[in-house]
Amino acid sequence: MENFRPVLIELFNVLGLSSPEKDRAFDIFKKYLAAELIKSLQGELPEDEQKWLAENIKSTDPTNPKVAEIKNKIAELFSENDLYDRSRIVFKKIVSNYVDFMSQGLEEEKVRKMKEIVSRV
């Protein structure tokens, strides 16, 4: 996620968010990206992990030992480069949707800047 932080900071600057607002928004993006990435990988995990995720993904406590087990399984199954590539695809989708939503009612120049930032992802 840290690879995507500069993109988010640029977007948040265009939107004029304060430092605390940027931090909160970054944390939200981080959690959302992790959840969406896991969903995109779910079908490639062993059956017991798939079942557990299907039943628990919306209400899972990140400190649950099963979460650590699934993270370890993902690390075993996918290379860092593969995870980065997959994360980038998911991130681009999320951030594109965010820009579309946040663009409503914004000045054209800000919308243009935000779309330009996303196009570089």
PDB file of N, CA and C in Angstrom:
ATOM      1  N   MET A   1       0.829  -1.201   0.000  1.00  0.00           N
ATOM      2  CA  MET A   1       0.000   0.000   0.000  1.00  0.00           C
ATOM      3  C   MET A   1       0.868   1.257   0.000  1.00  0.00           C
ATOM      4  N   GLU A   2       2.026   1.142   0.608  1.00  0.00           N
ATOM      5  CA  GLU A   2       2.902   2.317   0.665  1.00  0.00           C
ATOM      6  C   GLU A   2       3.294   2.794  -0.733  1.00  0.00           C
ATOM      7  N   ASN A   3       3.330   1.876  -1.698  1.00  0.00           N
ATOM      8  CA  ASN A   3       3.649   2.265  -3.078  1.00  0.00           C
ATOM      9  C   ASN A   3       2.605   3.225  -3.641  1.00  0.00           C
ATOM     10  N   PHE A   4       1.386   3.124  -3.128  1.00  0.00           N
ATOM     11  CA  PHE A   4       0.285   3.929  -3.651  1.00  0.00           C
ATOM     12  C   PHE A   4       0.065   5.217  -2.852  1.00  0.00           C
ATOM     13  N   ARG A   5       0.752   5.354  -1.751  1.00  0.00           N
ATOM     14  CA  ARG A   5       0.568   6.527  -0.892  1.00  0.00           C
ATOM     15  C   ARG A   5       0.788   7.851  -1.641  1.00  0.00           C
ATOM     16  N   PRO A   6       1.865   7.983  -2.447  1.00  0.00           N
ATOM     17  CA  PRO A   6       2.063   9.259  -3.150  1.00  0.00           C
ATOM     18  C   PRO A   6       0.887   9.637  -4.057  1.00  0.00           C
ATOM     19  N   VAL A   7       0.281   8.652  -4.692  1.00  0.00           N
ATOM     20  CA  VAL A   7      -0.879   8.913  -5.556  1.00  0.00           C
ATOM     21  C   VAL A   7      -2.022   9.463  -4.714  1.00  0.00           C
ATOM     22  N   LEU A   8      -2.273   8.809  -3.590  1.00  0.00           N
ATOM     23  CA  LEU A   8      -3.361   9.258  -2.718  1.00  0.00           C
ATOM     24  C   LEU A   8      -3.085  10.650  -2.163  1.00  0.00           C
ATOM     25  N   ILE A   9      -1.851  10.898  -1.757  1.00  0.00           N
ATOM     26  CA  ILE A   9      -1.501  12.217  -1.222  1.00  0.00           C
ATOM     27  C   ILE A   9      -1.743  13.295  -2.282  1.00  0.00           C
ATOM     28  N   GLU A  10      -1.361  13.008  -3.530  1.00  0.00           N
ATOM     29  CA  GLU A  10      -1.627  13.977  -4.613  1.00  0.00           C
ATOM     30  C   GLU A  10      -3.122  14.248  -4.748  1.00  0.00           C
ATOM     31  N   LEU A  11      -3.913  13.180  -4.743  1.00  0.00           N
ATOM     32  CA  LEU A  11      -5.371  13.345  -4.861  1.00  0.00           C
ATOM     33  C   LEU A  11      -5.923  14.142  -3.687  1.00  0.00           C
ATOM     34  N   PHE A  12      -5.484  13.793  -2.487  1.00  0.00           N
ATOM     35  CA  PHE A  12      -5.977  14.478  -1.296  1.00  0.00           C
ATOM     36  C   PHE A  12      -5.568  15.952  -1.304  1.00  0.00           C
ATOM     37  N   ASN A  13      -4.387  16.251  -1.841  1.00  0.00           N
ATOM     38  CA  ASN A  13      -3.956  17.651  -1.956  1.00  0.00           C
ATOM     39  C   ASN A  13      -4.864  18.424  -2.906  1.00  0.00           C
ATOM     40  N   VAL A  14      -5.213  17.811  -4.033  1.00  0.00           N
ATOM     41  CA  VAL A  14      -6.119  18.467  -4.985  1.00  0.00           C
ATOM     42  C   VAL A  14      -7.453  18.759  -4.305  1.00  0.00           C
ATOM     43  N   LEU A  15      -7.896  17.821  -3.468  1.00  0.00           N
ATOM     44  CA  LEU A  15      -9.176  17.995  -2.772  1.00  0.00           C
ATOM     45  C   LEU A  15      -9.080  18.965  -1.596  1.00  0.00           C
ATOM     46  N   GLY A  16      -7.853  19.320  -1.210  1.00  0.00           N
ATOM     47  CA  GLY A  16      -7.666  20.264  -0.115  1.00  0.00           C
ATOM     48  C   GLY A  16      -7.880  19.661   1.265  1.00  0.00           C
ATOM     49  N   LEU A  17      -7.624  18.360   1.409  1.00  0.00           N
ATOM     50  CA  LEU A  17      -7.803  17.721   2.711  1.00  0.00           C
ATOM     51  C   LEU A  17      -6.710  18.157   3.680  1.00  0.00           C
ATOM     52  N   SER A  18      -7.068  18.264   4.941  1.00  0.00           N
ATOM     53  CA  SER A  18      -6.093  18.582   5.984  1.00  0.00           C
ATOM     54  C   SER A  18      -5.261  17.332   6.271  1.00  0.00           C
ATOM     55  N   SER A  19      -4.199  17.496   7.020  1.00  0.00           N
ATOM     56  CA  SER A  19      -3.322  16.363   7.343  1.00  0.00           C
ATOM     57  C   SER A  19      -4.070  15.245   8.085  1.00  0.00           C
ATOM     58  N   PRO A  20      -4.871  15.563   9.115  1.00  0.00           N
ATOM     59  CA  PRO A  20      -5.627  14.494   9.784  1.00  0.00           C
ATOM     60  C   PRO A  20      -6.636  13.819   8.841  1.00  0.00           C
ATOM     61  N   GLU A  21      -7.248  14.606   7.958  1.00  0.00           N
ATOM     62  CA  GLU A  21      -8.191  14.027   6.994  1.00  0.00           C
ATOM     63  C   GLU A  21      -7.470  13.094   6.026  1.00  0.00           C
ATOM     64  N   LYS A  22      -6.267  13.486   5.609  1.00  0.00           N
ATOM     65  CA  LYS A  22      -5.465  12.629   4.725  1.00  0.00           C
ATOM     66  C   LYS A  22      -5.138  11.313   5.416  1.00  0.00           C
ATOM     67  N   ASP A  23      -4.740  11.393   6.682  1.00  0.00           N
ATOM     68  CA  ASP A  23      -4.395  10.179   7.428  1.00  0.00           C
ATOM     69  C   ASP A  23      -5.593   9.243   7.543  1.00  0.00           C
ATOM     70  N   ARG A  24      -6.755   9.796   7.863  1.00  0.00           N
ATOM     71  CA  ARG A  24      -7.970   8.972   7.976  1.00  0.00           C
ATOM     72  C   ARG A  24      -8.334   8.358   6.630  1.00  0.00           C
ATOM     73  N   ALA A  25      -8.278   9.170   5.587  1.00  0.00           N
ATOM     74  CA  ALA A  25      -8.619   8.677   4.248  1.00  0.00           C
ATOM     75  C   ALA A  25      -7.634   7.597   3.810  1.00  0.00           C
ATOM     76  N   PHE A  26      -6.353   7.781   4.117  1.00  0.00           N
ATOM     77  CA  PHE A  26      -5.348   6.778   3.760  1.00  0.00           C
ATOM     78  C   PHE A  26      -5.639   5.457   4.467  1.00  0.00           C
ATOM     79  N   ASP A  27      -5.981   5.516   5.755  1.00  0.00           N
ATOM     80  CA  ASP A  27      -6.309   4.294   6.500  1.00  0.00           C
ATOM     81  C   ASP A  27      -7.517   3.584   5.902  1.00  0.00           C
ATOM     82  N   ILE A  28      -8.509   4.353   5.494  1.00  0.00           N
ATOM     83  CA  ILE A  28      -9.701   3.763   4.874  1.00  0.00           C
ATOM     84  C   ILE A  28      -9.326   3.083   3.566  1.00  0.00           C
ATOM     85  N   PHE A  29      -8.526   3.757   2.737  1.00  0.00           N
ATOM     86  CA  PHE A  29      -8.083   3.158   1.477  1.00  0.00           C
ATOM     87  C   PHE A  29      -7.297   1.876   1.730  1.00  0.00           C
ATOM     88  N   LYS A  30      -6.440   1.907   2.731  1.00  0.00           N
ATOM     89  CA  LYS A  30      -5.596   0.748   3.044  1.00  0.00           C
ATOM     90  C   LYS A  30      -6.460  -0.473   3.379  1.00  0.00           C
ATOM     91  N   LYS A  31      -7.444  -0.280   4.233  1.00  0.00           N
ATOM     92  CA  LYS A  31      -8.333  -1.382   4.618  1.00  0.00           C
ATOM     93  C   LYS A  31      -9.167  -1.859   3.437  1.00  0.00           C
ATOM     94  N   TYR A  32      -9.665  -0.915   2.662  1.00  0.00           N
ATOM     95  CA  TYR A  32     -10.501  -1.267   1.517  1.00  0.00           C
ATOM     96  C   TYR A  32      -9.686  -2.012   0.462  1.00  0.00           C
ATOM     97  N   LEU A  33      -8.464  -1.544   0.206  1.00  0.00           N
ATOM     98  CA  LEU A  33      -7.601  -2.220  -0.762  1.00  0.00           C
ATOM     99  C   LEU A  33      -7.293  -3.642  -0.302  1.00  0.00           C
ATOM    100  N   ALA A  34      -6.980  -3.812   0.976  1.00  0.00           N
ATOM    101  CA  ALA A  34      -6.688  -5.151   1.496  1.00  0.00           C
ATOM    102  C   ALA A  34      -7.888  -6.073   1.325  1.00  0.00           C
ATOM    103  N   ALA A  35      -9.072  -5.585   1.662  1.00  0.00           N
ATOM    104  CA  ALA A  35     -10.283  -6.407   1.538  1.00  0.00           C
ATOM    105  C   ALA A  35     -10.565  -6.758   0.083  1.00  0.00           C
ATOM    106  N   GLU A  36     -10.437  -5.788  -0.811  1.00  0.00           N
ATOM    107  CA  GLU A  36     -10.702  -6.040  -2.230  1.00  0.00           C
ATOM    108  C   GLU A  36      -9.650  -6.961  -2.839  1.00  0.00           C
ATOM    109  N   LEU A  37      -8.405  -6.825  -2.411  1.00  0.00           N
ATOM    110  CA  LEU A  37      -7.352  -7.709  -2.910  1.00  0.00           C
ATOM    111  C   LEU A  37      -7.611  -9.144  -2.458  1.00  0.00           C
ATOM    112  N   ILE A  38      -7.973  -9.307  -1.196  1.00  0.00           N
ATOM    113  CA  ILE A  38      -8.279 -10.651  -0.696  1.00  0.00           C
ATOM    114  C   ILE A  38      -9.450 -11.243  -1.460  1.00  0.00           C
ATOM    115  N   LYS A  39     -10.473 -10.438  -1.714  1.00  0.00           N
ATOM    116  CA  LYS A  39     -11.613 -10.938  -2.494  1.00  0.00           C
ATOM    117  C   LYS A  39     -11.169 -11.390  -3.879  1.00  0.00           C
ATOM    118  N   SER A  40     -10.260 -10.640  -4.492  1.00  0.00           N
ATOM    119  CA  SER A  40      -9.806 -10.993  -5.840  1.00  0.00           C
ATOM    120  C   SER A  40      -8.954 -12.263  -5.839  1.00  0.00           C
ATOM    121  N   LEU A  41      -8.324 -12.566  -4.715  1.00  0.00           N
ATOM    122  CA  LEU A  41      -7.484 -13.764  -4.597  1.00  0.00           C
ATOM    123  C   LEU A  41      -8.245 -14.960  -4.045  1.00  0.00           C
ATOM    124  N   GLN A  42      -9.396 -14.716  -3.478  1.00  0.00           N
ATOM    125  CA  GLN A  42     -10.145 -15.732  -2.736  1.00  0.00           C
ATOM    126  C   GLN A  42     -10.305 -17.040  -3.513  1.00  0.00           C
ATOM    127  N   GLY A  43     -10.659 -16.962  -4.779  1.00  0.00           N
ATOM    128  CA  GLY A  43     -10.892 -18.162  -5.576  1.00  0.00           C
ATOM    129  C   GLY A  43      -9.649 -18.992  -5.823  1.00  0.00           C
ATOM    130  N   GLU A  44      -8.477 -18.433  -5.562  1.00  0.00           N
ATOM    131  CA  GLU A  44      -7.225 -19.151  -5.776  1.00  0.00           C
ATOM    132  C   GLU A  44      -6.649 -19.722  -4.480  1.00  0.00           C
ATOM    133  N   LEU A  45      -7.329 -19.493  -3.385  1.00  0.00           N
ATOM    134  CA  LEU A  45      -6.890 -20.012  -2.091  1.00  0.00           C
ATOM    135  C   LEU A  45      -7.448 -21.413  -1.878  1.00  0.00           C
ATOM    136  N   PRO A  46      -6.851 -22.156  -0.933  1.00  0.00           N
ATOM    137  CA  PRO A  46      -7.407 -23.473  -0.610  1.00  0.00           C
ATOM    138  C   PRO A  46      -8.865 -23.358  -0.161  1.00  0.00           C
ATOM    139  N   GLU A  47      -9.589 -24.434  -0.334  1.00  0.00           N
ATOM    140  CA  GLU A  47     -11.036 -24.434  -0.097  1.00  0.00           C
ATOM    141  C   GLU A  47     -11.422 -23.991   1.312  1.00  0.00           C
ATOM    142  N   ASP A  48     -10.681 -24.428   2.328  1.00  0.00           N
ATOM    143  CA  ASP A  48     -11.052 -24.050   3.698  1.00  0.00           C
ATOM    144  C   ASP A  48     -10.896 -22.546   3.927  1.00  0.00           C
ATOM    145  N   GLU A  49      -9.854 -21.921   3.328  1.00  0.00           N
ATOM    146  CA  GLU A  49      -9.691 -20.472   3.444  1.00  0.00           C
ATOM    147  C   GLU A  49     -10.789 -19.738   2.670  1.00  0.00           C
ATOM    148  N   GLN A  50     -11.141 -20.261   1.495  1.00  0.00           N
ATOM    149  CA  GLN A  50     -12.224 -19.652   0.709  1.00  0.00           C
ATOM    150  C   GLN A  50     -13.519 -19.638   1.513  1.00  0.00           C
ATOM    151  N   LYS A  51     -13.818 -20.776   2.126  1.00  0.00           N
ATOM    152  CA  LYS A  51     -15.058 -20.895   2.900  1.00  0.00           C
ATOM    153  C   LYS A  51     -15.038 -19.927   4.087  1.00  0.00           C
ATOM    154  N   TRP A  52     -13.926 -19.896   4.811  1.00  0.00           N
ATOM    155  CA  TRP A  52     -13.827 -19.023   5.970  1.00  0.00           C
ATOM    156  C   TRP A  52     -13.990 -17.563   5.556  1.00  0.00           C
ATOM    157  N   LEU A  53     -13.323 -17.170   4.470  1.00  0.00           N
ATOM    158  CA  LEU A  53     -13.438 -15.786   4.000  1.00  0.00           C
ATOM    159  C   LEU A  53     -14.867 -15.452   3.598  1.00  0.00           C
ATOM    160  N   ALA A  54     -15.522 -16.368   2.902  1.00  0.00           N
ATOM    161  CA  ALA A  54     -16.904 -16.129   2.471  1.00  0.00           C
ATOM    162  C   ALA A  54     -17.812 -15.876   3.669  1.00  0.00           C
ATOM    163  N   GLU A  55     -17.545 -16.569   4.754  1.00  0.00           N
ATOM    164  CA  GLU A  55     -18.387 -16.444   5.950  1.00  0.00           C
ATOM    165  C   GLU A  55     -17.995 -15.265   6.840  1.00  0.00           C
ATOM    166  N   ASN A  56     -16.743 -14.822   6.756  1.00  0.00           N
ATOM    167  CA  ASN A  56     -16.239 -13.871   7.751  1.00  0.00           C
ATOM    168  C   ASN A  56     -15.646 -12.578   7.220  1.00  0.00           C
ATOM    169  N   ILE A  57     -15.533 -12.405   5.930  1.00  0.00           N
ATOM    170  CA  ILE A  57     -14.776 -11.266   5.398  1.00  0.00           C
ATOM    171  C   ILE A  57     -15.328  -9.908   5.836  1.00  0.00           C
ATOM    172  N   LYS A  58     -16.603  -9.791   6.031  1.00  0.00           N
ATOM    173  CA  LYS A  58     -17.188  -8.486   6.381  1.00  0.00           C
ATOM    174  C   LYS A  58     -17.022  -8.133   7.859  1.00  0.00           C
ATOM    175  N   SER A  59     -16.841  -9.131   8.702  1.00  0.00           N
ATOM    176  CA  SER A  59     -16.815  -8.860  10.139  1.00  0.00           C
ATOM    177  C   SER A  59     -15.542  -9.354  10.818  1.00  0.00           C
ATOM    178  N   THR A  60     -14.502  -9.545  10.067  1.00  0.00           N
ATOM    179  CA  THR A  60     -13.293 -10.125  10.623  1.00  0.00           C
ATOM    180  C   THR A  60     -12.480  -9.118  11.419  1.00  0.00           C
ATOM    181  N   ASP A  61     -12.060  -9.555  12.588  1.00  0.00           N
ATOM    182  CA  ASP A  61     -11.143  -8.794  13.420  1.00  0.00           C
ATOM    183  C   ASP A  61      -9.730  -9.063  12.884  1.00  0.00           C
ATOM    184  N   PRO A  62      -8.981  -8.027  12.526  1.00  0.00           N
ATOM    185  CA  PRO A  62      -7.645  -8.248  11.958  1.00  0.00           C
ATOM    186  C   PRO A  62      -6.691  -8.987  12.893  1.00  0.00           C
ATOM    187  N   THR A  63      -7.019  -9.044  14.196  1.00  0.00           N
ATOM    188  CA  THR A  63      -6.158  -9.763  15.136  1.00  0.00           C
ATOM    189  C   THR A  63      -6.523 -11.243  15.242  1.00  0.00           C
ATOM    190  N   ASN A  64      -7.568 -11.662  14.546  1.00  0.00           N
ATOM    191  CA  ASN A  64      -7.969 -13.069  14.535  1.00  0.00           C
ATOM    192  C   ASN A  64      -6.821 -13.904  13.963  1.00  0.00           C
ATOM    193  N   PRO A  65      -6.424 -14.980  14.643  1.00  0.00           N
ATOM    194  CA  PRO A  65      -5.326 -15.820  14.150  1.00  0.00           C
ATOM    195  C   PRO A  65      -5.562 -16.370  12.740  1.00  0.00           C
ATOM    196  N   LYS A  66      -6.807 -16.563  12.368  1.00  0.00           N
ATOM    197  CA  LYS A  66      -7.109 -17.071  11.025  1.00  0.00           C
ATOM    198  C   LYS A  66      -6.693 -16.052   9.961  1.00  0.00           C
ATOM    199  N   VAL A  67      -6.786 -14.774  10.273  1.00  0.00           N
ATOM    200  CA  VAL A  67      -6.362 -13.731   9.336  1.00  0.00           C
ATOM    201  C   VAL A  67      -4.863 -13.859   9.071  1.00  0.00           C
ATOM    202  N   ALA A  68      -4.084 -14.041  10.118  1.00  0.00           N
ATOM    203  CA  ALA A  68      -2.636 -14.220   9.958  1.00  0.00           C
ATOM    204  C   ALA A  68      -2.339 -15.480   9.149  1.00  0.00           C
ATOM    205  N   GLU A  69      -3.094 -16.527   9.390  1.00  0.00           N
ATOM    206  CA  GLU A  69      -2.921 -17.777   8.647  1.00  0.00           C
ATOM    207  C   GLU A  69      -3.178 -17.557   7.150  1.00  0.00           C
ATOM    208  N   ILE A  70      -4.225 -16.821   6.833  1.00  0.00           N
ATOM    209  CA  ILE A  70      -4.556 -16.553   5.429  1.00  0.00           C
ATOM    210  C   ILE A  70      -3.498 -15.646   4.798  1.00  0.00           C
ATOM    211  N   LYS A  71      -3.014 -14.653   5.540  1.00  0.00           N
ATOM    212  CA  LYS A  71      -1.937 -13.799   5.023  1.00  0.00           C
ATOM    213  C   LYS A  71      -0.704 -14.639   4.691  1.00  0.00           C
ATOM    214  N   ASN A  72      -0.374 -15.564   5.579  1.00  0.00           N
ATOM    215  CA  ASN A  72       0.776 -16.439   5.336  1.00  0.00           C
ATOM    216  C   ASN A  72       0.553 -17.317   4.113  1.00  0.00           C
ATOM    217  N   LYS A  73      -0.654 -17.826   3.953  1.00  0.00           N
ATOM    218  CA  LYS A  73      -0.979 -18.669   2.802  1.00  0.00           C
ATOM    219  C   LYS A  73      -0.854 -17.859   1.513  1.00  0.00           C
ATOM    220  N   ILE A  74      -1.326 -16.631   1.535  1.00  0.00           N
ATOM    221  CA  ILE A  74      -1.210 -15.756   0.359  1.00  0.00           C
ATOM    222  C   ILE A  74       0.264 -15.514   0.031  1.00  0.00           C
ATOM    223  N   ALA A  75       1.079 -15.276   1.061  1.00  0.00           N
ATOM    224  CA  ALA A  75       2.515 -15.056   0.848  1.00  0.00           C
ATOM    225  C   ALA A  75       3.186 -16.295   0.251  1.00  0.00           C
ATOM    226  N   GLU A  76       2.698 -17.482   0.631  1.00  0.00           N
ATOM    227  CA  GLU A  76       3.239 -18.726   0.068  1.00  0.00           C
ATOM    228  C   GLU A  76       2.845 -18.904  -1.395  1.00  0.00           C
ATOM    229  N   LEU A  77       1.608 -18.561  -1.711  1.00  0.00           N
ATOM    230  CA  LEU A  77       1.063 -18.840  -3.041  1.00  0.00           C
ATOM    231  C   LEU A  77       1.437 -17.806  -4.104  1.00  0.00           C
ATOM    232  N   PHE A  78       1.698 -16.579  -3.688  1.00  0.00           N
ATOM    233  CA  PHE A  78       1.906 -15.501  -4.650  1.00  0.00           C
ATOM    234  C   PHE A  78       3.224 -14.781  -4.375  1.00  0.00           C
ATOM    235  N   SER A  79       3.950 -14.489  -5.438  1.00  0.00           N
ATOM    236  CA  SER A  79       5.201 -13.737  -5.288  1.00  0.00           C
ATOM    237  C   SER A  79       4.877 -12.278  -4.961  1.00  0.00           C
ATOM    238  N   GLU A  80       5.872 -11.575  -4.444  1.00  0.00           N
ATOM    239  CA  GLU A  80       5.675 -10.151  -4.149  1.00  0.00           C
ATOM    240  C   GLU A  80       5.314  -9.376  -5.413  1.00  0.00           C
ATOM    241  N   ASN A  81       5.968  -9.715  -6.516  1.00  0.00           N
ATOM    242  CA  ASN A  81       5.670  -9.025  -7.782  1.00  0.00           C
ATOM    243  C   ASN A  81       4.244  -9.289  -8.234  1.00  0.00           C
ATOM    244  N   ASP A  82       3.803 -10.536  -8.107  1.00  0.00           N
ATOM    245  CA  ASP A  82       2.434 -10.879  -8.496  1.00  0.00           C
ATOM    246  C   ASP A  82       1.435 -10.121  -7.623  1.00  0.00           C
ATOM    247  N   LEU A  83       1.688 -10.094  -6.321  1.00  0.00           N
ATOM    248  CA  LEU A  83       0.788  -9.365  -5.416  1.00  0.00           C
ATOM    249  C   LEU A  83       0.783  -7.870  -5.728  1.00  0.00           C
ATOM    250  N   TYR A  84       1.952  -7.325  -6.047  1.00  0.00           N
ATOM    251  CA  TYR A  84       2.005  -5.905  -6.402  1.00  0.00           C
ATOM    252  C   TYR A  84       1.182  -5.641  -7.662  1.00  0.00           C
ATOM    253  N   ASP A  85       1.367  -6.481  -8.684  1.00  0.00           N
ATOM    254  CA  ASP A  85       0.615  -6.301  -9.934  1.00  0.00           C
ATOM    255  C   ASP A  85      -0.885  -6.396  -9.700  1.00  0.00           C
ATOM    256  N   ARG A  86      -1.288  -7.362  -8.906  1.00  0.00           N
ATOM    257  CA  ARG A  86      -2.715  -7.523  -8.609  1.00  0.00           C
ATOM    258  C   ARG A  86      -3.230  -6.353  -7.772  1.00  0.00           C
ATOM    259  N   SER A  87      -2.417  -5.909  -6.821  1.00  0.00           N
ATOM    260  CA  SER A  87      -2.796  -4.761  -5.983  1.00  0.00           C
ATOM    261  C   SER A  87      -2.969  -3.512  -6.831  1.00  0.00           C
ATOM    262  N   ARG A  88      -2.083  -3.337  -7.782  1.00  0.00           N
ATOM    263  CA  ARG A  88      -2.140  -2.165  -8.655  1.00  0.00           C
ATOM    264  C   ARG A  88      -3.448  -2.136  -9.436  1.00  0.00           C
ATOM    265  N   ILE A  89      -3.861  -3.283  -9.953  1.00  0.00           N
ATOM    266  CA  ILE A  89      -5.119  -3.372 -10.702  1.00  0.00           C
ATOM    267  C   ILE A  89      -6.298  -3.015  -9.802  1.00  0.00           C
ATOM    268  N   VAL A  90      -6.315  -3.599  -8.607  1.00  0.00           N
ATOM    269  CA  VAL A  90      -7.406  -3.336  -7.656  1.00  0.00           C
ATOM    270  C   VAL A  90      -7.374  -1.872  -7.223  1.00  0.00           C
ATOM    271  N   PHE A  91      -6.185  -1.357  -6.935  1.00  0.00           N
ATOM    272  CA  PHE A  91      -6.049   0.035  -6.515  1.00  0.00           C
ATOM    273  C   PHE A  91      -6.558   0.981  -7.594  1.00  0.00           C
ATOM    274  N   LYS A  92      -6.174   0.727  -8.834  1.00  0.00           N
ATOM    275  CA  LYS A  92      -6.604   1.614  -9.928  1.00  0.00           C
ATOM    276  C   LYS A  92      -8.127   1.643 -10.019  1.00  0.00           C
ATOM    277  N   LYS A  93      -8.754   0.493  -9.858  1.00  0.00           N
ATOM    278  CA  LYS A  93     -10.222   0.434  -9.905  1.00  0.00           C
ATOM    279  C   LYS A  93     -10.828   1.249  -8.749  1.00  0.00           C
ATOM    280  N   ILE A  94     -10.303   1.037  -7.554  1.00  0.00           N
ATOM    281  CA  ILE A  94     -10.817   1.738  -6.372  1.00  0.00           C
ATOM    282  C   ILE A  94     -10.622   3.248  -6.511  1.00  0.00           C
ATOM    283  N   VAL A  95      -9.417   3.654  -6.875  1.00  0.00           N
ATOM    284  CA  VAL A  95      -9.118   5.085  -6.935  1.00  0.00           C
ATOM    285  C   VAL A  95      -9.876   5.750  -8.090  1.00  0.00           C
ATOM    286  N   SER A  96     -10.109   5.031  -9.179  1.00  0.00           N
ATOM    287  CA  SER A  96     -10.907   5.578 -10.286  1.00  0.00           C
ATOM    288  C   SER A  96     -12.343   5.826  -9.837  1.00  0.00           C
ATOM    289  N   ASN A  97     -12.906   4.866  -9.110  1.00  0.00           N
ATOM    290  CA  ASN A  97     -14.261   5.041  -8.576  1.00  0.00           C
ATOM    291  C   ASN A  97     -14.312   6.209  -7.590  1.00  0.00           C
ATOM    292  N   TYR A  98     -13.279   6.335  -6.771  1.00  0.00           N
ATOM    293  CA  TYR A  98     -13.194   7.427  -5.804  1.00  0.00           C
ATOM    294  C   TYR A  98     -13.182   8.779  -6.522  1.00  0.00           C
ATOM    295  N   VAL A  99     -12.360   8.886  -7.553  1.00  0.00           N
ATOM    296  CA  VAL A  99     -12.264  10.141  -8.302  1.00  0.00           C
ATOM    297  C   VAL A  99     -13.593  10.457  -8.978  1.00  0.00           C
ATOM    298  N   ASP A 100     -14.230   9.455  -9.562  1.00  0.00           N
ATOM    299  CA  ASP A 100     -15.539   9.686 -10.184  1.00  0.00           C
ATOM    300  C   ASP A 100     -16.534  10.234  -9.163  1.00  0.00           C
ATOM    301  N   PHE A 101     -16.545   9.629  -7.981  1.00  0.00           N
ATOM    302  CA  PHE A 101     -17.465  10.057  -6.931  1.00  0.00           C
ATOM    303  C   PHE A 101     -17.124  11.467  -6.430  1.00  0.00           C
ATOM    304  N   MET A 102     -15.843  11.695  -6.144  1.00  0.00           N
ATOM    305  CA  MET A 102     -15.425  12.978  -5.575  1.00  0.00           C
ATOM    306  C   MET A 102     -15.482  14.115  -6.593  1.00  0.00           C
ATOM    307  N   SER A 103     -15.531  13.792  -7.873  1.00  0.00           N
ATOM    308  CA  SER A 103     -15.547  14.816  -8.926  1.00  0.00           C
ATOM    309  C   SER A 103     -16.879  15.536  -9.036  1.00  0.00           C
ATOM    310  N   GLN A 104     -17.912  14.949  -8.478  1.00  0.00           N
ATOM    311  CA  GLN A 104     -19.236  15.556  -8.582  1.00  0.00           C
ATOM    312  C   GLN A 104     -19.229  16.922  -7.900  1.00  0.00           C
ATOM    313  N   GLY A 105     -19.515  17.946  -8.684  1.00  0.00           N
ATOM    314  CA  GLY A 105     -19.595  19.294  -8.143  1.00  0.00           C
ATOM    315  C   GLY A 105     -18.259  20.007  -8.005  1.00  0.00           C
ATOM    316  N   LEU A 106     -17.163  19.375  -8.404  1.00  0.00           N
ATOM    317  CA  LEU A 106     -15.854  20.031  -8.322  1.00  0.00           C
ATOM    318  C   LEU A 106     -15.588  20.867  -9.565  1.00  0.00           C
ATOM    319  N   GLU A 107     -14.682  21.812  -9.407  1.00  0.00           N
ATOM    320  CA  GLU A 107     -14.257  22.623 -10.547  1.00  0.00           C
ATOM    321  C   GLU A 107     -13.571  21.727 -11.577  1.00  0.00           C
ATOM    322  N   GLU A 108     -13.726  22.090 -12.849  1.00  0.00           N
ATOM    323  CA  GLU A 108     -13.156  21.300 -13.946  1.00  0.00           C
ATOM    324  C   GLU A 108     -11.662  21.082 -13.793  1.00  0.00           C
ATOM    325  N   GLU A 109     -10.941  22.091 -13.365  1.00  0.00           N
ATOM    326  CA  GLU A 109      -9.484  21.988 -13.230  1.00  0.00           C
ATOM    327  C   GLU A 109      -9.102  20.922 -12.202  1.00  0.00           C
ATOM    328  N   LYS A 110      -9.806  20.878 -11.088  1.00  0.00           N
ATOM    329  CA  LYS A 110      -9.527  19.861 -10.071  1.00  0.00           C
ATOM    330  C   LYS A 110      -9.847  18.469 -10.601  1.00  0.00           C
ATOM    331  N   VAL A 111     -10.946  18.347 -11.308  1.00  0.00           N
ATOM    332  CA  VAL A 111     -11.330  17.055 -11.891  1.00  0.00           C
ATOM    333  C   VAL A 111     -10.260  16.607 -12.880  1.00  0.00           C
ATOM    334  N   ARG A 112      -9.796  17.521 -13.707  1.00  0.00           N
ATOM    335  CA  ARG A 112      -8.760  17.194 -14.691  1.00  0.00           C
ATOM    336  C   ARG A 112      -7.482  16.727 -14.001  1.00  0.00           C
ATOM    337  N   LYS A 113      -7.068  17.446 -12.951  1.00  0.00           N
ATOM    338  CA  LYS A 113      -5.860  17.071 -12.207  1.00  0.00           C
ATOM    339  C   LYS A 113      -6.007  15.684 -11.590  1.00  0.00           C
ATOM    340  N   MET A 114      -7.161  15.418 -11.008  1.00  0.00           N
ATOM    341  CA  MET A 114      -7.366  14.117 -10.365  1.00  0.00           C
ATOM    342  C   MET A 114      -7.339  12.991 -11.394  1.00  0.00           C
ATOM    343  N   LYS A 115      -7.963  13.196 -12.530  1.00  0.00           N
ATOM    344  CA  LYS A 115      -7.960  12.163 -13.576  1.00  0.00           C
ATOM    345  C   LYS A 115      -6.559  11.953 -14.135  1.00  0.00           C
ATOM    346  N   GLU A 116      -5.799  13.013 -14.211  1.00  0.00           N
ATOM    347  CA  GLU A 116      -4.410  12.907 -14.670  1.00  0.00           C
ATOM    348  C   GLU A 116      -3.593  12.070 -13.683  1.00  0.00           C
ATOM    349  N   ILE A 117      -3.794  12.296 -12.406  1.00  0.00           N
ATOM    350  CA  ILE A 117      -3.088  11.532 -11.368  1.00  0.00           C
ATOM    351  C   ILE A 117      -3.424  10.051 -11.493  1.00  0.00           C
ATOM    352  N   VAL A 118      -4.694   9.737 -11.645  1.00  0.00           N
ATOM    353  CA  VAL A 118      -5.130   8.337 -11.755  1.00  0.00           C
ATOM    354  C   VAL A 118      -4.571   7.693 -13.020  1.00  0.00           C
ATOM    355  N   SER A 119      -4.470   8.450 -14.088  1.00  0.00           N
ATOM    356  CA  SER A 119      -3.975   7.881 -15.352  1.00  0.00           C
ATOM    357  C   SER A 119      -2.527   7.417 -15.244  1.00  0.00           C
ATOM    358  N   ARG A 120      -1.802   7.926 -14.262  1.00  0.00           N
ATOM    359  CA  ARG A 120      -0.397   7.531 -14.077  1.00  0.00           C
ATOM    360  C   ARG A 120      -0.239   6.269 -13.241  1.00  0.00           C
ATOM    361  N   VAL A 121      -1.319   5.767 -12.692  1.00  0.00           N
ATOM    362  CA  VAL A 121      -1.239   4.568 -11.840  1.00  0.00           C
ATOM    363  C   VAL A 121      -0.929   3.364 -12.707  1.00  0.00           C
TER     364      VAL A 121
END
